[in-house]
Protein backbone atom coordinates (compact mmCIF):
# COMPACT_ATOMS: atom_id res chain seq x y z
CA UNK A 1 0.00 0.00 0.00
CA UNK A 2 1.34 3.41 -0.93
CA UNK A 3 1.34 6.08 1.78
CA UNK A 4 -0.04 9.38 0.43
CA UNK A 5 2.21 12.42 0.52
CA UNK A 6 0.61 14.83 2.99
CA UNK A 7 2.96 17.82 2.88
CA UNK A 8 3.32 20.17 0.96
CA UNK A 9 -0.17 19.56 -0.47
CA UNK A 10 -1.68 20.22 2.97
CA UNK A 11 -0.40 22.58 5.63
CA UNK A 12 0.95 21.16 8.92
CA UNK A 13 -1.49 21.26 11.83
CA UNK A 14 1.16 22.57 14.26
CA UNK A 15 2.27 26.12 13.45
CA UNK A 16 6.00 26.35 14.17
CA UNK A 17 5.78 30.15 14.02
CA UNK A 18 3.61 30.13 17.14
CA UNK A 19 4.56 29.20 20.68
CA UNK A 20 3.62 25.89 22.26
CA UNK A 21 0.95 27.71 24.30
CA UNK A 22 -0.54 29.36 21.18
CA UNK A 23 -0.67 25.99 19.43
CA UNK A 24 -2.35 24.46 22.48
CA UNK A 25 -4.86 27.33 22.78
CA UNK A 26 -5.78 27.74 19.10
CA UNK A 27 -4.72 24.54 17.30
CA UNK A 28 -4.73 22.15 15.70
CA UNK A 29 -4.71 24.32 12.61
CA UNK A 30 -6.85 22.31 10.24
CA UNK A 31 -9.52 23.59 7.90
CA UNK A 32 -11.37 20.43 6.90
CA UNK A 33 -12.87 22.27 3.93
CA UNK A 34 -9.33 22.64 2.53
CA UNK A 35 -7.71 19.57 4.10
CA UNK A 36 -10.11 16.65 4.12
CA UNK A 37 -9.32 13.83 6.54
CA UNK A 38 -8.77 10.75 4.38
CA UNK A 39 -10.97 7.71 4.87
CA UNK A 40 -9.24 5.00 6.84
CA UNK A 41 -8.71 1.65 5.16
CA UNK A 42 -9.37 -0.96 7.85
CA UNK A 43 -7.73 -4.38 7.95
CA UNK A 44 -10.13 -7.27 8.64
CA UNK A 45 -10.65 -7.69 12.42
CA UNK A 46 -9.07 -11.14 12.36
CA UNK A 47 -5.80 -9.42 11.35
CA UNK A 48 -5.83 -6.95 14.25
CA UNK A 49 -3.11 -7.38 16.86
CA UNK A 50 -3.21 -7.68 20.63
CA UNK A 51 -1.81 -4.66 22.46
CA UNK A 52 -1.95 -4.79 26.25
CA UNK A 53 -5.09 -6.92 26.10
CA UNK A 54 -6.86 -4.80 23.45
CA UNK A 55 -7.29 -5.64 19.78
CA UNK A 56 -6.05 -2.78 17.60
CA UNK A 57 -5.81 -2.41 13.84
CA UNK A 58 -2.37 -0.81 13.89
CA UNK A 59 0.43 -0.46 16.44
CA UNK A 60 1.26 2.94 14.95
CA UNK A 61 0.64 5.62 17.55
CA UNK A 62 1.27 9.18 18.59
CA UNK A 63 3.50 10.03 21.58
CA UNK A 64 2.49 12.61 24.18
CA UNK A 65 4.58 15.48 22.74
CA UNK A 66 2.41 16.55 19.79
CA UNK A 67 -0.91 15.92 21.54
CA UNK A 68 -1.32 19.19 23.38
CA UNK A 69 -4.88 18.80 24.67
CA UNK A 70 -8.24 17.13 24.00
CA UNK A 71 -8.65 18.75 20.56
CA UNK A 72 -5.33 17.29 19.45
CA UNK A 73 -6.03 13.79 20.82
CA UNK A 74 -9.49 13.81 19.21
CA UNK A 75 -7.94 14.68 15.85
CA UNK A 76 -5.34 11.89 16.22
CA UNK A 77 -8.16 9.41 16.82
CA UNK A 78 -10.19 10.75 13.88
CA UNK A 79 -7.28 10.39 11.44
CA UNK A 80 -6.79 6.77 12.46
CA UNK A 81 -4.13 6.41 15.15
CA UNK A 82 -4.94 3.51 17.46
CA UNK A 83 -2.40 4.15 20.23
CA UNK A 84 -2.66 7.69 21.59
CA UNK A 85 -0.60 8.91 24.55
CA UNK A 86 -2.15 12.09 25.88
CA UNK A 87 0.20 13.62 28.41
CA UNK A 88 3.59 13.23 29.99
CA UNK A 89 3.00 13.24 33.74
CA UNK A 90 5.49 15.20 35.83
CA UNK A 91 5.79 15.72 39.57
CA UNK A 92 5.73 19.52 39.07
CA UNK A 93 4.54 21.98 36.44
CA UNK A 94 6.79 22.31 33.40
CA UNK A 95 6.09 24.80 30.62
CA UNK A 96 6.86 23.98 26.98
CA UNK A 97 10.25 24.97 25.60
CA UNK A 98 10.64 28.55 24.41
CA UNK A 99 9.89 29.46 20.82
CA UNK A 100 10.95 27.92 18.48
CA UNK A 101 10.14 24.55 20.01
CA UNK A 102 9.74 22.87 16.62
CA UNK A 103 11.60 23.72 13.43
CA UNK A 104 12.03 22.53 9.87
CA UNK A 105 15.35 21.03 8.89
CA UNK A 106 17.20 21.50 5.63
CA UNK A 107 17.71 18.05 4.11
CA UNK A 108 17.49 16.23 0.83
CA UNK A 109 15.19 13.23 0.96
CA UNK A 110 14.19 11.04 3.89
CA UNK A 111 16.37 10.73 6.99
CA UNK A 112 17.03 7.01 6.98
CA UNK A 113 19.17 4.97 9.38
CA UNK A 114 22.09 5.26 7.00
CA UNK A 115 22.01 9.07 7.42
CA UNK A 116 21.85 9.28 11.23
CA UNK A 117 25.41 10.57 11.49
CA UNK A 118 24.71 13.63 9.32
CA UNK A 119 24.71 17.09 10.86
CA UNK A 120 21.29 18.70 10.49
CA UNK A 121 20.74 22.41 9.89
CA UNK A 122 17.55 24.35 10.55
CA UNK A 123 15.77 25.66 7.48
CA UNK A 124 14.82 29.33 7.18
CA UNK A 125 11.61 28.52 5.28
CA UNK A 126 9.23 25.58 5.30
CA UNK A 127 9.94 22.96 2.63
CA UNK A 128 8.14 22.96 -0.68
C-alpha atoms as a PDB file:
ATOM      1  CA  UNK A   1       0.000   0.000   0.000  1.00  0.00           C
ATOM      2  CA  UNK A   2       1.343   3.412  -0.927  1.00  0.00           C
ATOM      3  CA  UNK A   3       1.343   6.085   1.778  1.00  0.00           C
ATOM      4  CA  UNK A   4      -0.042   9.376   0.434  1.00  0.00           C
ATOM      5  CA  UNK A   5       2.205  12.421   0.523  1.00  0.00           C
ATOM      6  CA  UNK A   6       0.610  14.830   2.991  1.00  0.00           C
ATOM      7  CA  UNK A   7       2.957  17.818   2.878  1.00  0.00           C
ATOM      8  CA  UNK A   8       3.325  20.171   0.964  1.00  0.00           C
ATOM      9  CA  UNK A   9      -0.169  19.562  -0.467  1.00  0.00           C
ATOM     10  CA  UNK A  10      -1.677  20.220   2.970  1.00  0.00           C
ATOM     11  CA  UNK A  11      -0.398  22.575   5.627  1.00  0.00           C
ATOM     12  CA  UNK A  12       0.954  21.163   8.921  1.00  0.00           C
ATOM     13  CA  UNK A  13      -1.491  21.258  11.834  1.00  0.00           C
ATOM     14  CA  UNK A  14       1.155  22.572  14.265  1.00  0.00           C
ATOM     15  CA  UNK A  15       2.266  26.124  13.452  1.00  0.00           C
ATOM     16  CA  UNK A  16       5.996  26.351  14.167  1.00  0.00           C
ATOM     17  CA  UNK A  17       5.779  30.149  14.024  1.00  0.00           C
ATOM     18  CA  UNK A  18       3.609  30.135  17.145  1.00  0.00           C
ATOM     19  CA  UNK A  19       4.558  29.203  20.683  1.00  0.00           C
ATOM     20  CA  UNK A  20       3.621  25.886  22.257  1.00  0.00           C
ATOM     21  CA  UNK A  21       0.953  27.710  24.299  1.00  0.00           C
ATOM     22  CA  UNK A  22      -0.538  29.362  21.181  1.00  0.00           C
ATOM     23  CA  UNK A  23      -0.669  25.987  19.432  1.00  0.00           C
ATOM     24  CA  UNK A  24      -2.354  24.465  22.484  1.00  0.00           C
ATOM     25  CA  UNK A  25      -4.859  27.328  22.781  1.00  0.00           C
ATOM     26  CA  UNK A  26      -5.778  27.739  19.104  1.00  0.00           C
ATOM     27  CA  UNK A  27      -4.720  24.537  17.300  1.00  0.00           C
ATOM     28  CA  UNK A  28      -4.735  22.150  15.704  1.00  0.00           C
ATOM     29  CA  UNK A  29      -4.714  24.322  12.612  1.00  0.00           C
ATOM     30  CA  UNK A  30      -6.846  22.312  10.240  1.00  0.00           C
ATOM     31  CA  UNK A  31      -9.524  23.586   7.900  1.00  0.00           C
ATOM     32  CA  UNK A  32     -11.370  20.428   6.903  1.00  0.00           C
ATOM     33  CA  UNK A  33     -12.867  22.273   3.927  1.00  0.00           C
ATOM     34  CA  UNK A  34      -9.335  22.638   2.530  1.00  0.00           C
ATOM     35  CA  UNK A  35      -7.710  19.566   4.105  1.00  0.00           C
ATOM     36  CA  UNK A  36     -10.114  16.649   4.118  1.00  0.00           C
ATOM     37  CA  UNK A  37      -9.324  13.835   6.536  1.00  0.00           C
ATOM     38  CA  UNK A  38      -8.766  10.753   4.376  1.00  0.00           C
ATOM     39  CA  UNK A  39     -10.967   7.709   4.874  1.00  0.00           C
ATOM     40  CA  UNK A  40      -9.236   4.995   6.842  1.00  0.00           C
ATOM     41  CA  UNK A  41      -8.711   1.646   5.160  1.00  0.00           C
ATOM     42  CA  UNK A  42      -9.366  -0.959   7.852  1.00  0.00           C
ATOM     43  CA  UNK A  43      -7.734  -4.379   7.948  1.00  0.00           C
ATOM     44  CA  UNK A  44     -10.126  -7.269   8.641  1.00  0.00           C
ATOM     45  CA  UNK A  45     -10.650  -7.689  12.424  1.00  0.00           C
ATOM     46  CA  UNK A  46      -9.065 -11.145  12.358  1.00  0.00           C
ATOM     47  CA  UNK A  47      -5.795  -9.418  11.346  1.00  0.00           C
ATOM     48  CA  UNK A  48      -5.828  -6.946  14.253  1.00  0.00           C
ATOM     49  CA  UNK A  49      -3.106  -7.380  16.862  1.00  0.00           C
ATOM     50  CA  UNK A  50      -3.209  -7.680  20.627  1.00  0.00           C
ATOM     51  CA  UNK A  51      -1.813  -4.661  22.461  1.00  0.00           C
ATOM     52  CA  UNK A  52      -1.953  -4.793  26.246  1.00  0.00           C
ATOM     53  CA  UNK A  53      -5.091  -6.921  26.095  1.00  0.00           C
ATOM     54  CA  UNK A  54      -6.857  -4.801  23.452  1.00  0.00           C
ATOM     55  CA  UNK A  55      -7.287  -5.642  19.779  1.00  0.00           C
ATOM     56  CA  UNK A  56      -6.052  -2.776  17.602  1.00  0.00           C
ATOM     57  CA  UNK A  57      -5.808  -2.408  13.837  1.00  0.00           C
ATOM     58  CA  UNK A  58      -2.368  -0.809  13.894  1.00  0.00           C
ATOM     59  CA  UNK A  59       0.430  -0.463  16.439  1.00  0.00           C
ATOM     60  CA  UNK A  60       1.257   2.936  14.951  1.00  0.00           C
ATOM     61  CA  UNK A  61       0.641   5.617  17.546  1.00  0.00           C
ATOM     62  CA  UNK A  62       1.270   9.181  18.594  1.00  0.00           C
ATOM     63  CA  UNK A  63       3.496  10.025  21.581  1.00  0.00           C
ATOM     64  CA  UNK A  64       2.494  12.606  24.179  1.00  0.00           C
ATOM     65  CA  UNK A  65       4.576  15.478  22.742  1.00  0.00           C
ATOM     66  CA  UNK A  66       2.411  16.546  19.787  1.00  0.00           C
ATOM     67  CA  UNK A  67      -0.911  15.917  21.541  1.00  0.00           C
ATOM     68  CA  UNK A  68      -1.324  19.195  23.378  1.00  0.00           C
ATOM     69  CA  UNK A  69      -4.884  18.798  24.673  1.00  0.00           C
ATOM     70  CA  UNK A  70      -8.240  17.129  24.002  1.00  0.00           C
ATOM     71  CA  UNK A  71      -8.651  18.755  20.556  1.00  0.00           C
ATOM     72  CA  UNK A  72      -5.327  17.293  19.453  1.00  0.00           C
ATOM     73  CA  UNK A  73      -6.031  13.793  20.819  1.00  0.00           C
ATOM     74  CA  UNK A  74      -9.489  13.806  19.211  1.00  0.00           C
ATOM     75  CA  UNK A  75      -7.936  14.684  15.850  1.00  0.00           C
ATOM     76  CA  UNK A  76      -5.344  11.892  16.216  1.00  0.00           C
ATOM     77  CA  UNK A  77      -8.162   9.414  16.817  1.00  0.00           C
ATOM     78  CA  UNK A  78     -10.190  10.753  13.875  1.00  0.00           C
ATOM     79  CA  UNK A  79      -7.283  10.388  11.436  1.00  0.00           C
ATOM     80  CA  UNK A  80      -6.790   6.771  12.458  1.00  0.00           C
ATOM     81  CA  UNK A  81      -4.133   6.414  15.147  1.00  0.00           C
ATOM     82  CA  UNK A  82      -4.939   3.506  17.456  1.00  0.00           C
ATOM     83  CA  UNK A  83      -2.396   4.154  20.228  1.00  0.00           C
ATOM     84  CA  UNK A  84      -2.657   7.692  21.588  1.00  0.00           C
ATOM     85  CA  UNK A  85      -0.601   8.907  24.550  1.00  0.00           C
ATOM     86  CA  UNK A  86      -2.154  12.095  25.880  1.00  0.00           C
ATOM     87  CA  UNK A  87       0.199  13.623  28.405  1.00  0.00           C
ATOM     88  CA  UNK A  88       3.585  13.232  29.990  1.00  0.00           C
ATOM     89  CA  UNK A  89       3.002  13.238  33.743  1.00  0.00           C
ATOM     90  CA  UNK A  90       5.488  15.196  35.830  1.00  0.00           C
ATOM     91  CA  UNK A  91       5.792  15.722  39.573  1.00  0.00           C
ATOM     92  CA  UNK A  92       5.729  19.516  39.075  1.00  0.00           C
ATOM     93  CA  UNK A  93       4.538  21.981  36.444  1.00  0.00           C
ATOM     94  CA  UNK A  94       6.793  22.305  33.396  1.00  0.00           C
ATOM     95  CA  UNK A  95       6.094  24.803  30.615  1.00  0.00           C
ATOM     96  CA  UNK A  96       6.858  23.984  26.983  1.00  0.00           C
ATOM     97  CA  UNK A  97      10.246  24.968  25.597  1.00  0.00           C
ATOM     98  CA  UNK A  98      10.645  28.552  24.413  1.00  0.00           C
ATOM     99  CA  UNK A  99       9.885  29.456  20.816  1.00  0.00           C
ATOM    100  CA  UNK A 100      10.945  27.917  18.485  1.00  0.00           C
ATOM    101  CA  UNK A 101      10.140  24.549  20.008  1.00  0.00           C
ATOM    102  CA  UNK A 102       9.743  22.868  16.616  1.00  0.00           C
ATOM    103  CA  UNK A 103      11.596  23.725  13.429  1.00  0.00           C
ATOM    104  CA  UNK A 104      12.027  22.527   9.873  1.00  0.00           C
ATOM    105  CA  UNK A 105      15.351  21.027   8.892  1.00  0.00           C
ATOM    106  CA  UNK A 106      17.200  21.504   5.635  1.00  0.00           C
ATOM    107  CA  UNK A 107      17.708  18.052   4.115  1.00  0.00           C
ATOM    108  CA  UNK A 108      17.487  16.231   0.825  1.00  0.00           C
ATOM    109  CA  UNK A 109      15.185  13.227   0.960  1.00  0.00           C
ATOM    110  CA  UNK A 110      14.193  11.036   3.891  1.00  0.00           C
ATOM    111  CA  UNK A 111      16.375  10.732   6.987  1.00  0.00           C
ATOM    112  CA  UNK A 112      17.026   7.009   6.979  1.00  0.00           C
ATOM    113  CA  UNK A 113      19.174   4.974   9.381  1.00  0.00           C
ATOM    114  CA  UNK A 114      22.085   5.265   6.996  1.00  0.00           C
ATOM    115  CA  UNK A 115      22.013   9.066   7.422  1.00  0.00           C
ATOM    116  CA  UNK A 116      21.849   9.280  11.228  1.00  0.00           C
ATOM    117  CA  UNK A 117      25.413  10.570  11.491  1.00  0.00           C
ATOM    118  CA  UNK A 118      24.715  13.634   9.322  1.00  0.00           C
ATOM    119  CA  UNK A 119      24.714  17.094  10.855  1.00  0.00           C
ATOM    120  CA  UNK A 120      21.294  18.701  10.495  1.00  0.00           C
ATOM    121  CA  UNK A 121      20.744  22.413   9.893  1.00  0.00           C
ATOM    122  CA  UNK A 122      17.553  24.347  10.550  1.00  0.00           C
ATOM    123  CA  UNK A 123      15.770  25.664   7.485  1.00  0.00           C
ATOM    124  CA  UNK A 124      14.817  29.334   7.183  1.00  0.00           C
ATOM    125  CA  UNK A 125      11.611  28.524   5.282  1.00  0.00           C
ATOM    126  CA  UNK A 126       9.234  25.577   5.298  1.00  0.00           C
ATOM    127  CA  UNK A 127       9.938  22.965   2.627  1.00  0.00           C
ATOM    128  CA  UNK A 128       8.141  22.964  -0.677  1.00  0.00           C
END
